[in-house]
Amino acid sequence: MQQPATGDRSTAIPSPDPSEASFDAGLYYARRCITEDPNWSLVTVPHLTELCLQHIVHNFEKNPILNYLLPEHQRKVLDRLSTGLPLAVTANLVSDEEYWKRCCTERWQLCDVSNYGDSWKRMFFERHLENILKCFIPNTTDPNQVLELIPLCKGYVRKLEIDQFLPPVKVDQKEERDDLSDTGSDFESGEVSVQHYDLKDLITALPHLEELHLTYGVKDCGMNFEWNLFNFTNQDCCNLAAAVKMCHNLKVFKLTRSNVDDEKTKLLARSLLDHPCLVELNLSHNLIRDKGAQALGKLISRSRLEILDLCNNQIHHLGAQALSQALAEKSTLTSLNLRLNCVEDKGGEAIGRALLTNTTLKSIHLGSNNLSEPTATLFSQVLAQNTTLRSINFSCNHLGLDGGKQLLAGLADNKTLTELDLRRTEVDQEAEYFIHQIVWANREAVRLQHPITKPP
C-alpha cells in the first residue's frame, strides 16, 4: 500500500477486508420485516374470489345471494354454510341434499334416510316438526312456534309420527292419591280442563301429508305418573276427527295406545266415511269393544280401506259379526288384524262364512281369540273354496286335534295359501307337519312363478 505524500491533506481509504464484506452482505439479505399485526403470516394472500366467498358465507343470514352465484361457487358456499342458520333463510332457498344431510347428522345420531323417501331435507323438516309437537305444552308453549314453521315445511312433510302429547301444566297441584289409584280407579275421575294440542290448523295446512301416526300419552314420566297423562279426551277426539276429515290426501292413519273407546271410535269412523284416499287404519292397543267394531264395519263398506289393524282391543263376537258382514257385502280390505281380542267361535265362524264369498282379503290374523274346533271346521271350507287368502294366523288358540285334521283336509287342493301359523294351537304334530308341507309347496310354486330379480 502506498503511503500518502508529505503535505497531502487527503486521507487514504483502506480497502475493505473481503471476509468482512461478505459477512455484511449476509446480514443485509437475512433481515426480515416484522409486522406489528400479530395475525400476519407469510402465507400467500387468497384470491379475490375466495375472499368474496368467505364474505358471502359470513353474511349469508343477512344477504343470502346463493342463486346469483355460479354453480361452482354455489357448491363452495353450501359446503361452508352453518347448519345453525335460521330456517326462514334456508328452508325455501337451499335444496342441496348434502347441506340437509349435515343438518340431520349433526342433530340426530340415528338417521335412516330410506324411511323418508331418501330425502335428507324431508327427514329434517319432518323430525324437526315432530320434536316441536312432542314438546308442546298447552297454555305454556307459544303456538307461533308451530304456525311460523308451516310455510317453511309444508312442501316437504309427508309423514308425521308423534308418540307423545304433553298435557297442560297444572296450576294447583293435587294431593297424592291413595293406593287405589294404582288399580286405575282414578282413570275415570274426569278429564283435564284443558286439552292437548289441536292438530287441525297444522294438518289442514300440510297439502302433501300422507301418513299420520299418533299416540296420546307421555314418555319417560317416571315417578310423575298419573292416569290423566294418558287421557285422550272427548275434545281431543273431536279436534282430531275434524282434522283428519279435512286431510284429503291422508293414506295411513294410526292412533295407537291412546285409550280410544267405543264412543271415540264411532266419532272417528264417521269422520272417515267416504274418505277419498285412506287405505290403512290402525287402532291397535286401545279399548274398542263391539259398538266401536260395528262403526268400523260401516266404515269398511264406505271407504277404500285395504288394511285394518284392531290388535289388542276388547272386541267380542258381536263386533266380529259386524266386521264379517262388511267383508261379505262390500269391501276393499286386503288385511285384517284381530289378534288379542275375544271374538270366540261365534265371531270366528262369522268371519269364516264371510270369507266363503269374499274375494279381496289376503291376510287375516286371529291369534289369541279363544277359538276352538268349530272355527277350524268352518275355515276348512274356506281353504277349500277361497282362492284369495294368502296368510292365516291361528296362533295361541285351542283348535285341538280334530281342528288340525279339519284344516289339513281343507288344504288338500289349496294352491294359494302360503302362510298358516298354528303355533300353540294344540294341533296334532303329524297334522301340523303335513300342513306345513302343503303351505311350503304353495310358497315355492309362487316363488318360481314370480322370481325375485336382483338389481344390477
Protein backbone atom coordinates (compact mmCIF):
# COMPACT_ATOMS: atom_id res chain seq x y z
CA MET A 1 0.00 0.00 0.00
CA GLN A 2 1.37 3.46 -0.94
CA GLN A 3 1.99 5.93 1.84
CA PRO A 4 0.48 9.36 1.38
CA ALA A 5 2.89 12.06 0.40
CA THR A 6 4.06 14.65 2.93
CA GLY A 7 1.76 17.60 3.00
CA ASP A 8 -1.02 15.79 1.19
CA ARG A 9 -4.23 16.56 3.04
CA SER A 10 -6.16 13.67 1.53
CA THR A 11 -6.61 10.61 3.64
CA ALA A 12 -6.12 7.21 2.15
CA ILE A 13 -9.18 4.94 2.37
CA PRO A 14 -8.19 1.48 3.39
CA SER A 15 -9.53 -1.27 1.16
CA PRO A 16 -12.10 -3.44 2.91
CA ASP A 17 -11.33 -6.91 4.05
CA PRO A 18 -13.05 -9.39 1.68
CA SER A 19 -14.24 -11.57 4.56
CA GLU A 20 -15.84 -8.63 6.34
CA ALA A 21 -17.64 -7.52 3.18
CA SER A 22 -19.27 -10.92 2.65
CA PHE A 23 -20.41 -11.02 6.29
CA ASP A 24 -22.13 -7.64 5.99
CA ALA A 25 -23.88 -8.71 2.80
CA GLY A 26 -25.23 -11.83 4.56
CA LEU A 27 -26.68 -9.70 7.32
CA TYR A 28 -28.34 -7.46 4.76
CA TYR A 29 -30.09 -10.27 2.93
CA ALA A 30 -31.11 -12.09 6.17
CA ARG A 31 -33.09 -9.19 7.55
CA ARG A 32 -36.86 -9.61 7.74
CA CYS A 33 -39.66 -7.17 8.15
CA ILE A 34 -41.50 -7.92 11.40
CA THR A 35 -45.05 -6.58 11.17
CA GLU A 36 -46.95 -5.18 14.09
CA ASP A 37 -50.03 -7.26 13.13
CA PRO A 38 -49.91 -10.45 15.27
CA ASN A 39 -52.01 -12.29 12.66
CA TRP A 40 -49.64 -11.51 9.83
CA SER A 41 -48.05 -14.51 8.16
CA LEU A 42 -46.05 -15.38 5.09
CA VAL A 43 -48.97 -17.35 3.60
CA THR A 44 -49.96 -16.20 0.16
CA VAL A 45 -52.90 -13.80 0.15
CA PRO A 46 -56.11 -15.63 -1.03
CA HIS A 47 -57.58 -14.86 -4.39
CA LEU A 48 -60.23 -12.19 -4.53
CA THR A 49 -62.84 -14.84 -5.44
CA GLU A 50 -62.05 -16.76 -2.28
CA LEU A 51 -62.31 -13.64 -0.16
CA CYS A 52 -65.68 -12.86 -1.71
CA LEU A 53 -66.97 -16.37 -0.99
CA GLN A 54 -65.83 -16.10 2.61
CA HIS A 55 -67.71 -12.82 2.92
CA ILE A 56 -70.86 -14.35 1.40
CA VAL A 57 -70.78 -17.28 3.84
CA HIS A 58 -70.14 -14.99 6.80
CA ASN A 59 -73.05 -12.69 5.89
CA PHE A 60 -75.40 -15.29 4.43
CA GLU A 61 -78.12 -14.72 7.01
CA LYS A 62 -78.36 -11.03 6.12
CA ASN A 63 -77.74 -11.37 2.39
CA PRO A 64 -78.46 -14.88 1.01
CA ILE A 65 -77.43 -14.42 -2.63
CA LEU A 66 -76.95 -18.12 -3.37
CA ASN A 67 -78.96 -18.09 -6.60
CA TYR A 68 -76.82 -15.31 -8.07
CA LEU A 69 -73.60 -17.33 -7.91
CA LEU A 70 -72.04 -19.59 -10.49
CA PRO A 71 -72.61 -23.32 -9.91
CA GLU A 72 -69.03 -23.94 -8.78
CA HIS A 73 -69.24 -21.04 -6.35
CA GLN A 74 -72.61 -22.22 -5.05
CA ARG A 75 -71.04 -25.57 -4.22
CA LYS A 76 -68.29 -23.93 -2.18
CA VAL A 77 -70.74 -21.74 -0.30
CA LEU A 78 -73.08 -24.65 0.51
CA ASP A 79 -70.19 -26.72 1.83
CA ARG A 80 -69.31 -23.95 4.28
CA LEU A 81 -72.75 -22.80 5.38
CA SER A 82 -73.53 -23.22 9.06
CA THR A 83 -76.27 -25.70 9.93
CA GLY A 84 -77.42 -23.26 12.60
CA LEU A 85 -78.78 -20.70 10.16
CA PRO A 86 -82.45 -19.75 10.68
CA LEU A 87 -84.87 -21.94 8.74
CA ALA A 88 -86.53 -18.80 7.44
CA VAL A 89 -83.34 -18.26 5.42
CA THR A 90 -82.54 -21.80 4.26
CA ALA A 91 -85.88 -23.64 4.05
CA ASN A 92 -87.04 -22.47 0.64
CA LEU A 93 -83.65 -21.38 -0.68
CA VAL A 94 -81.33 -24.34 -0.09
CA SER A 95 -82.30 -27.54 -1.88
CA ASP A 96 -78.88 -29.18 -1.74
CA GLU A 97 -79.16 -32.61 -0.12
CA GLU A 98 -75.61 -32.55 1.23
CA TYR A 99 -76.39 -29.47 3.30
CA TRP A 100 -79.52 -31.05 4.80
CA LYS A 101 -77.60 -34.25 5.41
CA ARG A 102 -75.19 -32.26 7.57
CA CYS A 103 -78.15 -30.68 9.37
CA CYS A 104 -79.56 -34.13 10.17
CA THR A 105 -76.37 -35.92 11.18
CA GLU A 106 -75.25 -33.08 13.43
CA ARG A 107 -78.58 -33.08 15.24
CA TRP A 108 -79.54 -36.77 15.47
CA GLN A 109 -77.34 -39.81 15.97
CA LEU A 110 -79.59 -42.22 14.06
CA CYS A 111 -80.54 -41.09 10.57
CA ASP A 112 -82.11 -43.65 8.23
CA VAL A 113 -82.94 -41.61 5.16
CA SER A 114 -84.61 -44.59 3.47
CA ASN A 115 -87.61 -44.03 5.76
CA TYR A 116 -88.04 -40.58 4.25
CA GLY A 117 -88.00 -41.31 0.55
CA ASP A 118 -84.19 -40.92 0.50
CA SER A 119 -84.61 -37.18 1.06
CA TRP A 120 -82.50 -35.58 3.78
CA LYS A 121 -84.45 -32.34 3.57
CA ARG A 122 -87.72 -34.16 4.12
CA MET A 123 -86.20 -36.02 7.07
CA PHE A 124 -85.04 -32.79 8.68
CA PHE A 125 -88.36 -30.99 8.45
CA GLU A 126 -90.47 -33.97 9.49
CA ARG A 127 -88.34 -34.73 12.54
CA HIS A 128 -87.96 -31.07 13.44
CA LEU A 129 -91.73 -30.58 13.37
CA GLU A 130 -92.28 -33.80 15.32
CA ASN A 131 -89.90 -32.66 18.06
CA ILE A 132 -91.74 -29.36 18.43
CA LEU A 133 -95.10 -31.12 18.72
CA LYS A 134 -93.80 -33.69 21.21
CA CYS A 135 -92.57 -30.91 23.50
CA PHE A 136 -95.56 -28.60 23.05
CA ILE A 137 -97.25 -27.72 26.36
CA PRO A 138 -100.73 -26.15 26.02
CA ASN A 139 -101.01 -22.68 27.56
CA THR A 140 -97.24 -22.59 28.01
CA THR A 141 -95.58 -23.08 24.63
CA ASP A 142 -96.08 -20.29 22.11
CA PRO A 143 -98.34 -21.62 19.30
CA ASN A 144 -96.41 -19.45 16.85
CA GLN A 145 -93.56 -21.96 17.09
CA VAL A 146 -95.73 -24.29 15.05
CA LEU A 147 -97.62 -21.75 12.94
CA GLU A 148 -94.47 -19.97 11.78
CA LEU A 149 -92.93 -23.27 10.73
CA ILE A 150 -95.85 -24.27 8.48
CA PRO A 151 -94.92 -22.08 5.46
CA LEU A 152 -91.36 -23.37 5.65
CA CYS A 153 -92.06 -27.10 5.88
CA LYS A 154 -95.41 -27.63 4.14
CA GLY A 155 -93.78 -28.59 0.86
CA TYR A 156 -91.67 -31.36 2.39
CA VAL A 157 -93.69 -33.04 5.17
CA ARG A 158 -95.36 -36.27 4.07
CA LYS A 159 -95.41 -38.24 7.31
CA LEU A 160 -95.70 -37.33 10.99
CA GLU A 161 -95.00 -39.74 13.84
CA ILE A 162 -95.90 -38.17 17.18
CA ASP A 163 -95.65 -40.63 20.07
CA GLN A 164 -96.22 -38.09 22.84
CA PHE A 165 -98.65 -35.28 23.64
CA LEU A 166 -97.90 -33.32 26.78
CA PRO A 167 -100.83 -32.16 28.94
CA PRO A 168 -101.13 -28.60 30.23
CA VAL A 169 -99.25 -27.68 33.37
CA LYS A 170 -101.43 -27.86 36.46
CA VAL A 171 -101.74 -24.66 38.42
CA ASP A 172 -102.86 -26.31 41.63
CA GLN A 173 -101.01 -29.49 42.40
CA LYS A 174 -103.35 -32.17 43.71
CA GLU A 175 -102.57 -34.15 46.80
CA GLU A 176 -101.14 -37.58 46.37
CA ARG A 177 -103.78 -40.16 45.66
CA ASP A 178 -104.29 -43.24 47.74
CA ASP A 179 -103.21 -46.71 46.77
CA LEU A 180 -106.44 -47.31 44.85
CA SER A 181 -105.09 -45.15 42.04
CA ASP A 182 -102.68 -47.94 41.17
CA THR A 183 -105.61 -50.04 40.01
CA GLY A 184 -106.71 -47.41 37.53
CA SER A 185 -109.77 -46.35 39.52
CA ASP A 186 -108.83 -42.73 39.04
CA PHE A 187 -108.76 -43.07 35.28
CA GLU A 188 -112.40 -42.11 35.03
CA SER A 189 -112.24 -39.39 37.65
CA GLY A 190 -112.70 -36.72 35.00
CA GLU A 191 -110.89 -35.15 32.11
CA VAL A 192 -108.44 -32.33 32.45
CA SER A 193 -109.94 -28.93 31.84
CA VAL A 194 -107.56 -28.05 29.01
CA GLN A 195 -106.99 -30.39 26.10
CA HIS A 196 -103.87 -31.41 24.25
CA TYR A 197 -102.55 -29.54 21.25
CA ASP A 198 -105.15 -29.24 18.48
CA LEU A 199 -103.67 -30.57 15.23
CA LYS A 200 -106.38 -29.17 12.97
CA ASP A 201 -104.62 -25.97 11.87
CA LEU A 202 -101.40 -27.84 11.25
CA ILE A 203 -102.73 -30.89 9.42
CA THR A 204 -105.00 -28.95 7.10
CA ALA A 205 -102.07 -26.73 6.12
CA LEU A 206 -99.86 -29.65 5.01
CA PRO A 207 -101.02 -30.46 1.46
CA HIS A 208 -98.66 -33.42 1.00
CA LEU A 209 -99.32 -35.18 4.32
CA GLU A 210 -100.00 -38.87 3.62
CA GLU A 211 -99.23 -40.63 6.91
CA LEU A 212 -100.21 -39.67 10.45
CA HIS A 213 -99.10 -41.81 13.42
CA LEU A 214 -100.30 -40.61 16.83
CA THR A 215 -100.11 -41.77 20.45
CA TYR A 216 -101.72 -39.66 23.16
CA GLY A 217 -99.53 -40.22 26.19
CA VAL A 218 -96.33 -39.14 27.90
CA LYS A 219 -92.98 -40.87 27.60
CA ASP A 220 -90.49 -41.18 30.44
CA CYS A 221 -92.84 -39.73 33.05
CA GLY A 222 -91.14 -41.77 35.77
CA MET A 223 -92.35 -41.05 39.30
CA ASN A 224 -94.68 -38.34 37.97
CA PHE A 225 -97.01 -40.97 36.51
CA GLU A 226 -100.73 -40.19 36.54
CA TRP A 227 -103.53 -41.77 34.55
CA ASN A 228 -104.56 -38.38 33.21
CA LEU A 229 -101.27 -38.15 31.34
CA PHE A 230 -102.65 -40.83 29.02
CA ASN A 231 -106.16 -39.45 28.69
CA PHE A 232 -107.36 -38.98 25.11
CA THR A 233 -110.27 -36.68 25.90
CA ASN A 234 -113.54 -36.25 24.04
CA GLN A 235 -112.45 -32.80 22.92
CA ASP A 236 -109.16 -34.26 21.66
CA CYS A 237 -111.15 -36.77 19.66
CA CYS A 238 -113.46 -34.12 18.19
CA ASN A 239 -110.50 -31.99 17.16
CA LEU A 240 -108.68 -34.94 15.64
CA ALA A 241 -111.76 -36.18 13.78
CA ALA A 242 -112.27 -32.76 12.21
CA ALA A 243 -108.59 -32.61 11.27
CA VAL A 244 -108.37 -35.99 9.51
CA LYS A 245 -111.63 -35.32 7.69
CA MET A 246 -110.06 -32.23 6.12
CA CYS A 247 -106.82 -34.02 5.25
CA HIS A 248 -107.89 -35.29 1.84
CA ASN A 249 -104.53 -36.81 0.85
CA LEU A 250 -104.16 -38.89 4.02
CA LYS A 251 -103.46 -42.54 3.17
CA VAL A 252 -102.31 -44.01 6.50
CA PHE A 253 -103.81 -43.11 9.89
CA LYS A 254 -102.55 -44.76 13.08
CA LEU A 255 -103.92 -43.93 16.53
CA THR A 256 -102.48 -46.47 18.96
CA ARG A 257 -102.14 -46.84 22.75
CA SER A 258 -104.45 -43.88 23.35
CA ASN A 259 -107.39 -45.39 25.30
CA VAL A 260 -109.75 -44.99 22.35
CA ASP A 261 -113.14 -46.38 23.42
CA ASP A 262 -116.37 -47.07 21.52
CA GLU A 263 -117.68 -43.50 21.53
CA LYS A 264 -114.44 -42.08 20.23
CA THR A 265 -114.20 -44.85 17.64
CA LYS A 266 -117.67 -44.01 16.34
CA LEU A 267 -116.75 -40.34 16.09
CA LEU A 268 -113.55 -41.09 14.18
CA ALA A 269 -115.29 -43.60 11.91
CA ARG A 270 -117.96 -41.06 10.96
CA SER A 271 -115.31 -38.52 10.02
CA LEU A 272 -113.57 -41.05 7.76
CA LEU A 273 -116.65 -42.23 5.84
CA ASP A 274 -116.15 -41.86 2.08
CA HIS A 275 -112.60 -40.60 2.59
CA PRO A 276 -111.04 -40.33 -0.88
CA CYS A 277 -107.55 -41.67 -0.10
CA LEU A 278 -107.39 -43.52 3.23
CA VAL A 279 -106.15 -47.10 2.71
CA GLU A 280 -104.74 -48.05 6.13
CA LEU A 281 -106.26 -47.59 9.59
CA ASN A 282 -104.51 -48.76 12.75
CA LEU A 283 -106.41 -48.55 16.06
CA SER A 284 -104.47 -51.25 17.86
CA HIS A 285 -103.87 -51.35 21.63
CA ASN A 286 -106.97 -49.39 22.58
CA LEU A 287 -110.30 -50.01 24.36
CA ILE A 288 -112.58 -50.70 21.39
CA ARG A 289 -115.50 -53.03 22.06
CA ASP A 290 -118.39 -54.31 19.94
CA LYS A 291 -120.10 -50.97 19.28
CA GLY A 292 -116.86 -49.48 18.06
CA ALA A 293 -116.31 -52.50 15.82
CA GLN A 294 -119.81 -52.06 14.40
CA ALA A 295 -118.95 -48.47 13.46
CA LEU A 296 -115.78 -49.70 11.78
CA GLY A 297 -117.84 -52.25 9.86
CA LYS A 298 -119.78 -49.37 8.30
CA LEU A 299 -116.50 -47.65 7.53
CA ILE A 300 -115.23 -50.72 5.68
CA SER A 301 -118.29 -50.62 3.43
CA ARG A 302 -117.95 -46.90 2.73
CA SER A 303 -114.25 -46.38 2.19
CA ARG A 304 -111.22 -47.56 0.27
CA LEU A 305 -109.65 -49.22 3.29
CA GLU A 306 -107.23 -52.01 2.47
CA ILE A 307 -105.56 -52.56 5.86
CA LEU A 308 -107.36 -52.54 9.22
CA ASP A 309 -105.45 -53.28 12.43
CA LEU A 310 -107.54 -53.77 15.58
CA CYS A 311 -104.99 -55.77 17.55
CA ASN A 312 -105.29 -55.85 21.35
CA ASN A 313 -108.75 -54.40 21.87
CA GLN A 314 -111.87 -55.79 23.55
CA ILE A 315 -113.90 -56.94 20.55
CA HIS A 316 -116.23 -59.90 21.12
CA HIS A 317 -118.43 -61.92 18.78
CA LEU A 318 -120.93 -59.13 18.07
CA GLY A 319 -118.18 -56.85 16.85
CA ALA A 320 -116.66 -59.66 14.79
CA GLN A 321 -120.04 -60.34 13.21
CA ALA A 322 -120.35 -56.67 12.20
CA LEU A 323 -116.92 -56.77 10.58
CA SER A 324 -117.83 -60.04 8.86
CA GLN A 325 -120.96 -58.53 7.37
CA ALA A 326 -118.88 -55.76 5.83
CA LEU A 327 -116.43 -58.32 4.43
CA ALA A 328 -119.25 -60.31 2.87
CA GLU A 329 -121.11 -57.39 1.31
CA LYS A 330 -118.74 -54.73 0.01
CA SER A 331 -115.12 -54.45 0.91
CA THR A 332 -111.74 -53.48 -0.49
CA LEU A 333 -109.98 -54.82 2.61
CA THR A 334 -106.91 -56.98 1.96
CA SER A 335 -105.60 -57.33 5.54
CA LEU A 336 -107.45 -57.65 8.86
CA ASN A 337 -105.70 -57.99 12.22
CA LEU A 338 -107.86 -59.07 15.19
CA ARG A 339 -105.10 -60.53 17.34
CA LEU A 340 -105.56 -60.33 21.12
CA ASN A 341 -109.32 -59.84 21.13
CA CYS A 342 -112.03 -62.24 22.26
CA VAL A 343 -114.20 -63.00 19.24
CA GLU A 344 -114.50 -66.69 20.24
CA ASP A 345 -116.13 -69.28 17.98
CA LYS A 346 -119.24 -67.23 17.24
CA GLY A 347 -117.09 -64.45 15.86
CA GLY A 348 -114.64 -66.82 14.19
CA GLU A 349 -117.41 -68.69 12.40
CA ALA A 350 -118.96 -65.42 11.23
CA ILE A 351 -115.64 -64.37 9.74
CA GLY A 352 -115.26 -67.78 8.12
CA ARG A 353 -118.69 -67.56 6.47
CA ALA A 354 -117.82 -64.11 5.12
CA LEU A 355 -114.61 -65.43 3.61
CA LEU A 356 -116.53 -68.05 1.65
CA THR A 357 -117.68 -65.26 -0.65
CA ASN A 358 -115.10 -62.53 -0.07
CA THR A 359 -112.60 -62.07 -2.92
CA THR A 360 -110.37 -59.27 -1.60
CA LEU A 361 -108.95 -60.32 1.78
CA LYS A 362 -105.45 -61.77 1.54
CA SER A 363 -104.33 -61.82 5.18
CA ILE A 364 -106.18 -62.36 8.45
CA HIS A 365 -104.77 -62.58 11.98
CA LEU A 366 -106.99 -64.29 14.57
CA GLY A 367 -104.32 -65.16 17.13
CA SER A 368 -105.31 -65.25 20.82
CA ASN A 369 -109.07 -65.08 20.33
CA ASN A 370 -110.17 -68.18 22.26
CA LEU A 371 -111.05 -70.07 19.08
CA SER A 372 -111.59 -73.82 19.01
CA GLU A 373 -112.65 -76.68 16.72
CA PRO A 374 -115.89 -75.13 15.29
CA THR A 375 -113.91 -72.24 13.82
CA ALA A 376 -111.32 -74.62 12.39
CA THR A 377 -114.09 -76.71 10.82
CA LEU A 378 -115.58 -73.71 9.03
CA PHE A 379 -112.17 -72.48 7.91
CA SER A 380 -111.52 -75.87 6.32
CA GLN A 381 -114.33 -74.96 3.91
CA VAL A 382 -112.74 -71.55 3.39
CA LEU A 383 -109.42 -73.18 2.49
CA ALA A 384 -111.17 -75.44 0.00
CA GLN A 385 -113.10 -72.63 -1.75
CA ASN A 386 -111.30 -69.32 -1.24
CA THR A 387 -108.55 -68.60 -3.79
CA THR A 388 -107.62 -65.14 -2.49
CA LEU A 389 -106.32 -65.79 1.02
CA ARG A 390 -102.54 -65.92 1.31
CA SER A 391 -101.98 -65.81 5.07
CA ILE A 392 -103.93 -67.02 8.13
CA ASN A 393 -102.72 -66.79 11.73
CA PHE A 394 -104.44 -69.01 14.32
CA SER A 395 -101.64 -68.93 16.91
CA CYS A 396 -102.44 -69.19 20.63
CA ASN A 397 -105.92 -70.70 20.25
CA HIS A 398 -107.46 -74.07 21.13
CA LEU A 399 -108.12 -75.69 17.76
CA GLY A 400 -107.33 -79.14 19.12
CA LEU A 401 -106.55 -82.42 17.37
CA ASP A 402 -109.76 -82.54 15.35
CA GLY A 403 -109.40 -78.90 14.37
CA GLY A 404 -105.98 -79.61 12.91
CA LYS A 405 -107.32 -82.54 10.91
CA GLN A 406 -110.12 -80.37 9.54
CA LEU A 407 -107.65 -77.74 8.36
CA LEU A 408 -105.47 -80.42 6.76
CA ALA A 409 -108.46 -81.76 4.85
CA GLY A 410 -109.36 -78.28 3.62
CA LEU A 411 -105.81 -77.72 2.38
CA ALA A 412 -105.78 -80.84 0.22
CA ASP A 413 -106.49 -78.95 -3.01
CA ASN A 414 -105.44 -75.45 -1.92
CA LYS A 415 -102.76 -73.87 -4.13
CA THR A 416 -102.83 -70.27 -2.90
CA LEU A 417 -102.24 -70.22 0.87
CA THR A 418 -98.58 -69.51 1.61
CA GLU A 419 -98.68 -68.86 5.39
CA LEU A 420 -100.59 -70.68 8.13
CA ASP A 421 -99.47 -70.09 11.71
CA LEU A 422 -100.58 -72.88 14.07
CA ARG A 423 -98.20 -72.28 16.97
CA ARG A 424 -99.66 -73.15 20.37
CA THR A 425 -102.99 -74.30 18.95
CA GLU A 426 -102.96 -77.86 20.37
CA VAL A 427 -102.91 -79.30 16.84
CA ASP A 428 -101.54 -82.80 16.38
CA GLN A 429 -97.86 -82.76 15.47
CA GLU A 430 -98.31 -85.03 12.47
CA ALA A 431 -101.16 -82.93 11.07
CA GLU A 432 -99.13 -79.78 11.60
CA TYR A 433 -96.22 -81.35 9.70
CA PHE A 434 -98.36 -82.21 6.66
CA ILE A 435 -99.96 -78.75 6.74
CA HIS A 436 -96.51 -77.21 6.75
CA GLN A 437 -95.51 -79.29 3.72
CA ILE A 438 -98.55 -78.15 1.72
CA VAL A 439 -98.05 -74.49 2.61
CA TRP A 440 -94.34 -74.71 1.80
CA ALA A 441 -95.11 -76.25 -1.60
CA ASN A 442 -97.54 -73.41 -2.36
CA ARG A 443 -94.94 -70.84 -1.37
CA GLU A 444 -92.31 -72.45 -3.60
CA ALA A 445 -94.73 -72.54 -6.52
CA VAL A 446 -95.39 -68.82 -6.12
CA ARG A 447 -91.67 -68.11 -5.90
CA LEU A 448 -90.99 -69.98 -9.13
CA GLN A 449 -93.82 -68.19 -10.91
CA HIS A 450 -92.62 -64.78 -9.74
CA PRO A 451 -88.84 -64.96 -9.29
CA ILE A 452 -87.19 -62.09 -7.47
CA THR A 453 -84.78 -60.27 -9.76
CA LYS A 454 -81.78 -58.71 -8.07
CA PRO A 455 -80.83 -55.20 -9.13
CA PRO A 456 -77.66 -54.97 -11.21
